[in-house]
């Protein structure tokens, strides 16, 4: 009986630790996302040319895939 209680306690502790770590990792990812978003919102604005935006993203070494709107939906360049 004591072994069963000890085993259950260990399992609960392990899963609790994994849950807490998962939440902490998620919080770090969200913070990095917010930081990047603030920079993009500050530096990019409506009315900029496509060339200016591509130049900006390239200077930041950001991975991006150009997508252009066309009638009937979005289309990706090849």
PDB file of N, CA and C in Angstrom:
ATOM      1  N   UNK A   1       0.814  -1.199   0.000  1.00  0.00           N
ATOM      2  CA  UNK A   1       0.000   0.000   0.000  1.00  0.00           C
ATOM      3  C   UNK A   1       0.859   1.267   0.000  1.00  0.00           C
ATOM      4  N   UNK A   2       1.899   1.277   0.822  1.00  0.00           N
ATOM      5  CA  UNK A   2       2.777   2.447   0.884  1.00  0.00           C
ATOM      6  C   UNK A   2       3.507   2.641  -0.442  1.00  0.00           C
ATOM      7  N   UNK A   3       3.870   1.519  -1.112  1.00  0.00           N
ATOM      8  CA  UNK A   3       4.563   1.609  -2.402  1.00  0.00           C
ATOM      9  C   UNK A   3       3.635   2.217  -3.453  1.00  0.00           C
ATOM     10  N   UNK A   4       2.367   1.844  -3.396  1.00  0.00           N
ATOM     11  CA  UNK A   4       1.399   2.367  -4.354  1.00  0.00           C
ATOM     12  C   UNK A   4       1.218   3.869  -4.165  1.00  0.00           C
ATOM     13  N   UNK A   5       1.094   4.296  -2.926  1.00  0.00           N
ATOM     14  CA  UNK A   5       0.939   5.721  -2.642  1.00  0.00           C
ATOM     15  C   UNK A   5       2.186   6.488  -3.073  1.00  0.00           C
ATOM     16  N   UNK A   6       3.355   5.918  -2.803  1.00  0.00           N
ATOM     17  CA  UNK A   6       4.608   6.565  -3.202  1.00  0.00           C
ATOM     18  C   UNK A   6       4.697   6.665  -4.721  1.00  0.00           C
ATOM     19  N   UNK A   7       4.304   5.597  -5.424  1.00  0.00           N
ATOM     20  CA  UNK A   7       4.349   5.600  -6.889  1.00  0.00           C
ATOM     21  C   UNK A   7       3.381   6.638  -7.458  1.00  0.00           C
ATOM     22  N   UNK A   8       2.185   6.707  -6.913  1.00  0.00           N
ATOM     23  CA  UNK A   8       1.212   7.697  -7.367  1.00  0.00           C
ATOM     24  C   UNK A   8       1.739   9.109  -7.103  1.00  0.00           C
ATOM     25  N   UNK A   9       2.328   9.329  -5.965  1.00  0.00           N
ATOM     26  CA  UNK A   9       2.887  10.642  -5.630  1.00  0.00           C
ATOM     27  C   UNK A   9       3.988  11.024  -6.609  1.00  0.00           C
ATOM     28  N   UNK A  10       4.854  10.070  -6.942  1.00  0.00           N
ATOM     29  CA  UNK A  10       5.943  10.348  -7.891  1.00  0.00           C
ATOM     30  C   UNK A  10       5.373  10.692  -9.262  1.00  0.00           C
ATOM     31  N   UNK A  11       4.380   9.933  -9.704  1.00  0.00           N
ATOM     32  CA  UNK A  11       3.769  10.195 -11.011  1.00  0.00           C
ATOM     33  C   UNK A  11       3.134  11.583 -11.029  1.00  0.00           C
ATOM     34  N   UNK A  12       2.432  11.932  -9.966  1.00  0.00           N
ATOM     35  CA  UNK A  12       1.801  13.252  -9.890  1.00  0.00           C
ATOM     36  C   UNK A  12       2.859  14.353  -9.914  1.00  0.00           C
ATOM     37  N   UNK A  13       3.938  14.168  -9.196  1.00  0.00           N
ATOM     38  CA  UNK A  13       5.012  15.166  -9.165  1.00  0.00           C
ATOM     39  C   UNK A  13       5.646  15.324 -10.538  1.00  0.00           C
ATOM     40  N   UNK A  14       5.914  14.199 -11.214  1.00  0.00           N
ATOM     41  CA  UNK A  14       6.542  14.255 -12.542  1.00  0.00           C
ATOM     42  C   UNK A  14       5.625  14.983 -13.528  1.00  0.00           C
ATOM     43  N   UNK A  15       4.340  14.611 -13.544  1.00  0.00           N
ATOM     44  CA  UNK A  15       3.431  15.266 -14.479  1.00  0.00           C
ATOM     45  C   UNK A  15       3.221  16.742 -14.129  1.00  0.00           C
ATOM     46  N   UNK A  16       3.226  17.058 -12.874  1.00  0.00           N
ATOM     47  CA  UNK A  16       3.110  18.466 -12.470  1.00  0.00           C
ATOM     48  C   UNK A  16       4.318  19.262 -12.928  1.00  0.00           C
ATOM     49  N   UNK A  17       5.491  18.686 -12.774  1.00  0.00           N
ATOM     50  CA  UNK A  17       6.718  19.365 -13.217  1.00  0.00           C
ATOM     51  C   UNK A  17       6.714  19.559 -14.727  1.00  0.00           C
ATOM     52  N   UNK A  18       6.276  18.551 -15.472  1.00  0.00           N
ATOM     53  CA  UNK A  18       6.205  18.677 -16.929  1.00  0.00           C
ATOM     54  C   UNK A  18       5.197  19.749 -17.340  1.00  0.00           C
ATOM     55  N   UNK A  19       4.085  19.820 -16.650  1.00  0.00           N
ATOM     56  CA  UNK A  19       3.065  20.819 -16.943  1.00  0.00           C
ATOM     57  C   UNK A  19       3.603  22.232 -16.687  1.00  0.00           C
ATOM     58  N   UNK A  20       4.261  22.407 -15.554  1.00  0.00           N
ATOM     59  CA  UNK A  20       4.813  23.718 -15.200  1.00  0.00           C
ATOM     60  C   UNK A  20       5.872  24.127 -16.217  1.00  0.00           C
ATOM     61  N   UNK A  21       6.723  23.186 -16.607  1.00  0.00           N
ATOM     62  CA  UNK A  21       7.762  23.494 -17.597  1.00  0.00           C
ATOM     63  C   UNK A  21       7.131  23.856 -18.942  1.00  0.00           C
ATOM     64  N   UNK A  22       6.103  23.125 -19.333  1.00  0.00           N
ATOM     65  CA  UNK A  22       5.424  23.400 -20.585  1.00  0.00           C
ATOM     66  C   UNK A  22       4.830  24.808 -20.583  1.00  0.00           C
ATOM     67  N   UNK A  23       4.216  25.201 -19.485  1.00  0.00           N
ATOM     68  CA  UNK A  23       3.644  26.541 -19.384  1.00  0.00           C
ATOM     69  C   UNK A  23       4.734  27.609 -19.432  1.00  0.00           C
ATOM     70  N   UNK A  24       5.859  27.346 -18.786  1.00  0.00           N
ATOM     71  CA  UNK A  24       6.970  28.306 -18.798  1.00  0.00           C
ATOM     72  C   UNK A  24       7.534  28.452 -20.210  1.00  0.00           C
ATOM     73  N   UNK A  25       7.675  27.328 -20.916  1.00  0.00           N
ATOM     74  CA  UNK A  25       8.162  27.377 -22.301  1.00  0.00           C
ATOM     75  C   UNK A  25       7.188  28.152 -23.181  1.00  0.00           C
ATOM     76  N   UNK A  26       5.901  27.914 -22.994  1.00  0.00           N
ATOM     77  CA  UNK A  26       4.894  28.625 -23.768  1.00  0.00           C
ATOM     78  C   UNK A  26       4.956  30.126 -23.489  1.00  0.00           C
ATOM     79  N   UNK A  27       5.136  30.492 -22.257  1.00  0.00           N
ATOM     80  CA  UNK A  27       5.236  31.914 -21.887  1.00  0.00           C
ATOM     81  C   UNK A  27       6.459  32.564 -22.543  1.00  0.00           C
ATOM     82  N   UNK A  28       7.585  31.848 -22.574  1.00  0.00           N
ATOM     83  CA  UNK A  28       8.785  32.385 -23.237  1.00  0.00           C
ATOM     84  C   UNK A  28       8.544  32.576 -24.731  1.00  0.00           C
ATOM     85  N   UNK A  29       7.889  31.583 -25.365  1.00  0.00           N
ATOM     86  CA  UNK A  29       7.584  31.718 -26.797  1.00  0.00           C
ATOM     87  C   UNK A  29       6.686  32.914 -27.048  1.00  0.00           C
ATOM     88  N   UNK A  30       5.673  33.085 -26.226  1.00  0.00           N
ATOM     89  CA  UNK A  30       4.758  34.216 -26.381  1.00  0.00           C
ATOM     90  C   UNK A  30       5.481  35.551 -26.202  1.00  0.00           C
ATOM     91  N   UNK A  31       6.391  35.625 -25.251  1.00  0.00           N
ATOM     92  CA  UNK A  31       7.149  36.864 -25.030  1.00  0.00           C
ATOM     93  C   UNK A  31       8.021  37.193 -26.225  1.00  0.00           C
ATOM     94  N   UNK A  32       8.694  36.180 -26.794  1.00  0.00           N
ATOM     95  CA  UNK A  32       9.525  36.415 -27.980  1.00  0.00           C
ATOM     96  C   UNK A  32       8.658  36.868 -29.155  1.00  0.00           C
ATOM     97  N   UNK A  33       7.490  36.270 -29.299  1.00  0.00           N
ATOM     98  CA  UNK A  33       6.576  36.661 -30.364  1.00  0.00           C
ATOM     99  C   UNK A  33       6.146  38.118 -30.194  1.00  0.00           C
ATOM    100  N   UNK A  34       5.771  38.483 -28.993  1.00  0.00           N
ATOM    101  CA  UNK A  34       5.340  39.862 -28.731  1.00  0.00           C
ATOM    102  C   UNK A  34       6.459  40.856 -29.017  1.00  0.00           C
ATOM    103  N   UNK A  35       7.687  40.519 -28.614  1.00  0.00           N
ATOM    104  CA  UNK A  35       8.825  41.413 -28.863  1.00  0.00           C
ATOM    105  C   UNK A  35       9.038  41.617 -30.348  1.00  0.00           C
ATOM    106  N   UNK A  36       8.982  40.538 -31.116  1.00  0.00           N
ATOM    107  CA  UNK A  36       9.162  40.644 -32.566  1.00  0.00           C
ATOM    108  C   UNK A  36       8.026  41.435 -33.190  1.00  0.00           C
ATOM    109  N   UNK A  37       6.809  41.203 -32.734  1.00  0.00           N
ATOM    110  CA  UNK A  37       5.656  41.904 -33.271  1.00  0.00           C
ATOM    111  C   UNK A  37       5.745  43.402 -33.032  1.00  0.00           C
ATOM    112  N   UNK A  38       6.214  43.802 -31.858  1.00  0.00           N
ATOM    113  CA  UNK A  38       6.365  45.228 -31.547  1.00  0.00           C
ATOM    114  C   UNK A  38       7.344  45.879 -32.522  1.00  0.00           C
ATOM    115  N   UNK A  39       8.446  45.189 -32.805  1.00  0.00           N
ATOM    116  CA  UNK A  39       9.433  45.743 -33.740  1.00  0.00           C
ATOM    117  C   UNK A  39       8.846  45.887 -35.140  1.00  0.00           C
ATOM    118  N   UNK A  40       8.154  44.854 -35.613  1.00  0.00           N
ATOM    119  CA  UNK A  40       7.566  44.922 -36.948  1.00  0.00           C
ATOM    120  C   UNK A  40       6.509  46.021 -37.022  1.00  0.00           C
ATOM    121  N   UNK A  41       5.684  46.135 -35.993  1.00  0.00           N
ATOM    122  CA  UNK A  41       4.653  47.174 -36.003  1.00  0.00           C
ATOM    123  C   UNK A  41       5.262  48.570 -35.966  1.00  0.00           C
ATOM    124  N   UNK A  42       6.383  48.716 -35.308  1.00  0.00           N
ATOM    125  CA  UNK A  42       7.038  50.020 -35.226  1.00  0.00           C
ATOM    126  C   UNK A  42       7.680  50.398 -36.558  1.00  0.00           C
ATOM    127  N   UNK A  43       8.309  49.412 -37.205  1.00  0.00           N
ATOM    128  CA  UNK A  43       9.107  49.704 -38.399  1.00  0.00           C
ATOM    129  C   UNK A  43       8.338  49.604 -39.714  1.00  0.00           C
ATOM    130  N   UNK A  44       7.282  48.836 -39.756  1.00  0.00           N
ATOM    131  CA  UNK A  44       6.526  48.648 -40.998  1.00  0.00           C
ATOM    132  C   UNK A  44       5.175  49.346 -40.875  1.00  0.00           C
ATOM    133  N   UNK A  45       4.748  49.960 -41.941  1.00  0.00           N
ATOM    134  CA  UNK A  45       3.480  50.681 -41.920  1.00  0.00           C
ATOM    135  C   UNK A  45       2.802  50.585 -43.274  1.00  0.00           C
ATOM    136  N   UNK A  46       1.523  50.867 -43.282  1.00  0.00           N
ATOM    137  CA  UNK A  46       0.751  50.861 -44.526  1.00  0.00           C
ATOM    138  C   UNK A  46       1.324  51.895 -45.480  1.00  0.00           C
ATOM    139  N   UNK A  47       1.336  51.558 -46.745  1.00  0.00           N
ATOM    140  CA  UNK A  47       1.833  52.479 -47.750  1.00  0.00           C
ATOM    141  C   UNK A  47       3.276  52.226 -48.160  1.00  0.00           C
ATOM    142  N   UNK A  48       3.959  51.332 -47.454  1.00  0.00           N
ATOM    143  CA  UNK A  48       5.347  51.020 -47.824  1.00  0.00           C
ATOM    144  C   UNK A  48       5.345  50.189 -49.107  1.00  0.00           C
ATOM    145  N   UNK A  49       6.381  50.345 -49.888  1.00  0.00           N
ATOM    146  CA  UNK A  49       6.474  49.563 -51.110  1.00  0.00           C
ATOM    147  C   UNK A  49       6.908  48.143 -50.779  1.00  0.00           C
ATOM    148  N   UNK A  50       6.594  47.244 -51.686  1.00  0.00           N
ATOM    149  CA  UNK A  50       6.983  45.850 -51.519  1.00  0.00           C
ATOM    150  C   UNK A  50       8.510  45.730 -51.406  1.00  0.00           C
ATOM    151  N   UNK A  51       9.219  46.514 -52.197  1.00  0.00           N
ATOM    152  CA  UNK A  51      10.682  46.478 -52.164  1.00  0.00           C
ATOM    153  C   UNK A  51      11.220  46.918 -50.804  1.00  0.00           C
ATOM    154  N   UNK A  52      10.611  47.957 -50.236  1.00  0.00           N
ATOM    155  CA  UNK A  52      11.037  48.426 -48.911  1.00  0.00           C
ATOM    156  C   UNK A  52      10.813  47.359 -47.840  1.00  0.00           C
ATOM    157  N   UNK A  53       9.666  46.705 -47.924  1.00  0.00           N
ATOM    158  CA  UNK A  53       9.355  45.670 -46.937  1.00  0.00           C
ATOM    159  C   UNK A  53      10.288  44.481 -47.096  1.00  0.00           C
ATOM    160  N   UNK A  54      10.529  44.058 -48.337  1.00  0.00           N
ATOM    161  CA  UNK A  54      11.442  42.942 -48.557  1.00  0.00           C
ATOM    162  C   UNK A  54      12.850  43.289 -48.101  1.00  0.00           C
ATOM    163  N   UNK A  55      13.261  44.509 -48.354  1.00  0.00           N
ATOM    164  CA  UNK A  55      14.580  44.956 -47.916  1.00  0.00           C
ATOM    165  C   UNK A  55      14.677  44.943 -46.396  1.00  0.00           C
ATOM    166  N   UNK A  56      13.631  45.426 -45.742  1.00  0.00           N
ATOM    167  CA  UNK A  56      13.600  45.438 -44.274  1.00  0.00           C
ATOM    168  C   UNK A  56      13.676  44.019 -43.722  1.00  0.00           C
ATOM    169  N   UNK A  57      12.830  43.141 -44.243  1.00  0.00           N
ATOM    170  CA  UNK A  57      12.816  41.758 -43.745  1.00  0.00           C
ATOM    171  C   UNK A  57      14.150  41.059 -43.997  1.00  0.00           C
ATOM    172  N   UNK A  58      14.745  41.316 -45.143  1.00  0.00           N
ATOM    173  CA  UNK A  58      16.053  40.724 -45.443  1.00  0.00           C
ATOM    174  C   UNK A  58      17.128  41.249 -44.498  1.00  0.00           C
ATOM    175  N   UNK A  59      17.074  42.535 -44.178  1.00  0.00           N
ATOM    176  CA  UNK A  59      18.065  43.111 -43.267  1.00  0.00           C
ATOM    177  C   UNK A  59      17.944  42.523 -41.866  1.00  0.00           C
ATOM    178  N   UNK A  60      16.727  42.086 -41.501  1.00  0.00           N
ATOM    179  CA  UNK A  60      16.497  41.470 -40.185  1.00  0.00           C
ATOM    180  C   UNK A  60      16.706  39.955 -40.230  1.00  0.00           C
ATOM    181  N   UNK A  61      17.070  39.474 -41.413  1.00  0.00           N
ATOM    182  CA  UNK A  61      17.252  38.033 -41.645  1.00  0.00           C
ATOM    183  C   UNK A  61      16.004  37.239 -41.275  1.00  0.00           C
ATOM    184  N   UNK A  62      14.863  37.833 -41.578  1.00  0.00           N
ATOM    185  CA  UNK A  62      13.579  37.187 -41.310  1.00  0.00           C
ATOM    186  C   UNK A  62      13.217  36.305 -42.501  1.00  0.00           C
ATOM    187  N   UNK A  63      12.744  35.123 -42.225  1.00  0.00           N
ATOM    188  CA  UNK A  63      12.264  34.245 -43.281  1.00  0.00           C
ATOM    189  C   UNK A  63      10.864  34.689 -43.653  1.00  0.00           C
ATOM    190  N   UNK A  64      10.636  34.868 -44.949  1.00  0.00           N
ATOM    191  CA  UNK A  64       9.315  35.281 -45.397  1.00  0.00           C
ATOM    192  C   UNK A  64       9.035  34.692 -46.766  1.00  0.00           C
ATOM    193  N   UNK A  65       7.772  34.556 -47.064  1.00  0.00           N
ATOM    194  CA  UNK A  65       7.323  34.026 -48.337  1.00  0.00           C
ATOM    195  C   UNK A  65       6.334  35.017 -48.920  1.00  0.00           C
ATOM    196  N   UNK A  66       6.699  35.658 -50.022  1.00  0.00           N
ATOM    197  CA  UNK A  66       5.793  36.651 -50.611  1.00  0.00           C
ATOM    198  C   UNK A  66       4.465  36.020 -51.026  1.00  0.00           C
ATOM    199  N   UNK A  67       3.381  36.655 -50.641  1.00  0.00           N
ATOM    200  CA  UNK A  67       2.036  36.239 -51.025  1.00  0.00           C
ATOM    201  C   UNK A  67       1.332  37.468 -51.556  1.00  0.00           C
ATOM    202  N   UNK A  68       0.739  37.336 -52.707  1.00  0.00           N
ATOM    203  CA  UNK A  68       0.088  38.473 -53.349  1.00  0.00           C
ATOM    204  C   UNK A  68      -1.393  38.191 -53.482  1.00  0.00           C
ATOM    205  N   UNK A  69      -2.177  39.229 -53.236  1.00  0.00           N
ATOM    206  CA  UNK A  69      -3.619  39.103 -53.389  1.00  0.00           C
ATOM    207  C   UNK A  69      -3.966  39.230 -54.851  1.00  0.00           C
ATOM    208  N   UNK A  70      -4.817  38.325 -55.291  1.00  0.00           N
ATOM    209  CA  UNK A  70      -5.353  38.434 -56.637  1.00  0.00           C
ATOM    210  C   UNK A  70      -6.842  38.143 -56.548  1.00  0.00           C
ATOM    211  N   UNK A  71      -7.557  38.576 -57.529  1.00  0.00           N
ATOM    212  CA  UNK A  71      -9.002  38.371 -57.486  1.00  0.00           C
ATOM    213  C   UNK A  71      -9.301  36.891 -57.328  1.00  0.00           C
ATOM    214  N   UNK A  72     -10.133  36.566 -56.390  1.00  0.00           N
ATOM    215  CA  UNK A  72     -10.479  35.174 -56.156  1.00  0.00           C
ATOM    216  C   UNK A  72      -9.687  34.543 -55.011  1.00  0.00           C
ATOM    217  N   UNK A  73      -8.764  35.277 -54.417  1.00  0.00           N
ATOM    218  CA  UNK A  73      -8.041  34.728 -53.276  1.00  0.00           C
ATOM    219  C   UNK A  73      -6.577  35.112 -53.271  1.00  0.00           C
ATOM    220  N   UNK A  74      -5.836  34.452 -52.412  1.00  0.00           N
ATOM    221  CA  UNK A  74      -4.419  34.729 -52.280  1.00  0.00           C
ATOM    222  C   UNK A  74      -3.634  33.774 -53.154  1.00  0.00           C
ATOM    223  N   UNK A  75      -2.502  34.237 -53.655  1.00  0.00           N
ATOM    224  CA  UNK A  75      -1.640  33.397 -54.456  1.00  0.00           C
ATOM    225  C   UNK A  75      -0.209  33.552 -54.015  1.00  0.00           C
ATOM    226  N   UNK A  76       0.498  32.461 -53.976  1.00  0.00           N
ATOM    227  CA  UNK A  76       1.893  32.501 -53.583  1.00  0.00           C
ATOM    228  C   UNK A  76       2.773  32.558 -54.819  1.00  0.00           C
ATOM    229  N   UNK A  77       3.855  33.333 -54.745  1.00  0.00           N
ATOM    230  CA  UNK A  77       4.750  33.431 -55.895  1.00  0.00           C
ATOM    231  C   UNK A  77       5.585  32.176 -55.981  1.00  0.00           C
ATOM    232  N   UNK A  78       6.072  31.927 -57.165  1.00  0.00           N
ATOM    233  CA  UNK A  78       6.919  30.740 -57.372  1.00  0.00           C
ATOM    234  C   UNK A  78       8.345  31.125 -57.577  1.00  0.00           C
TER     235      UNK A  78
END
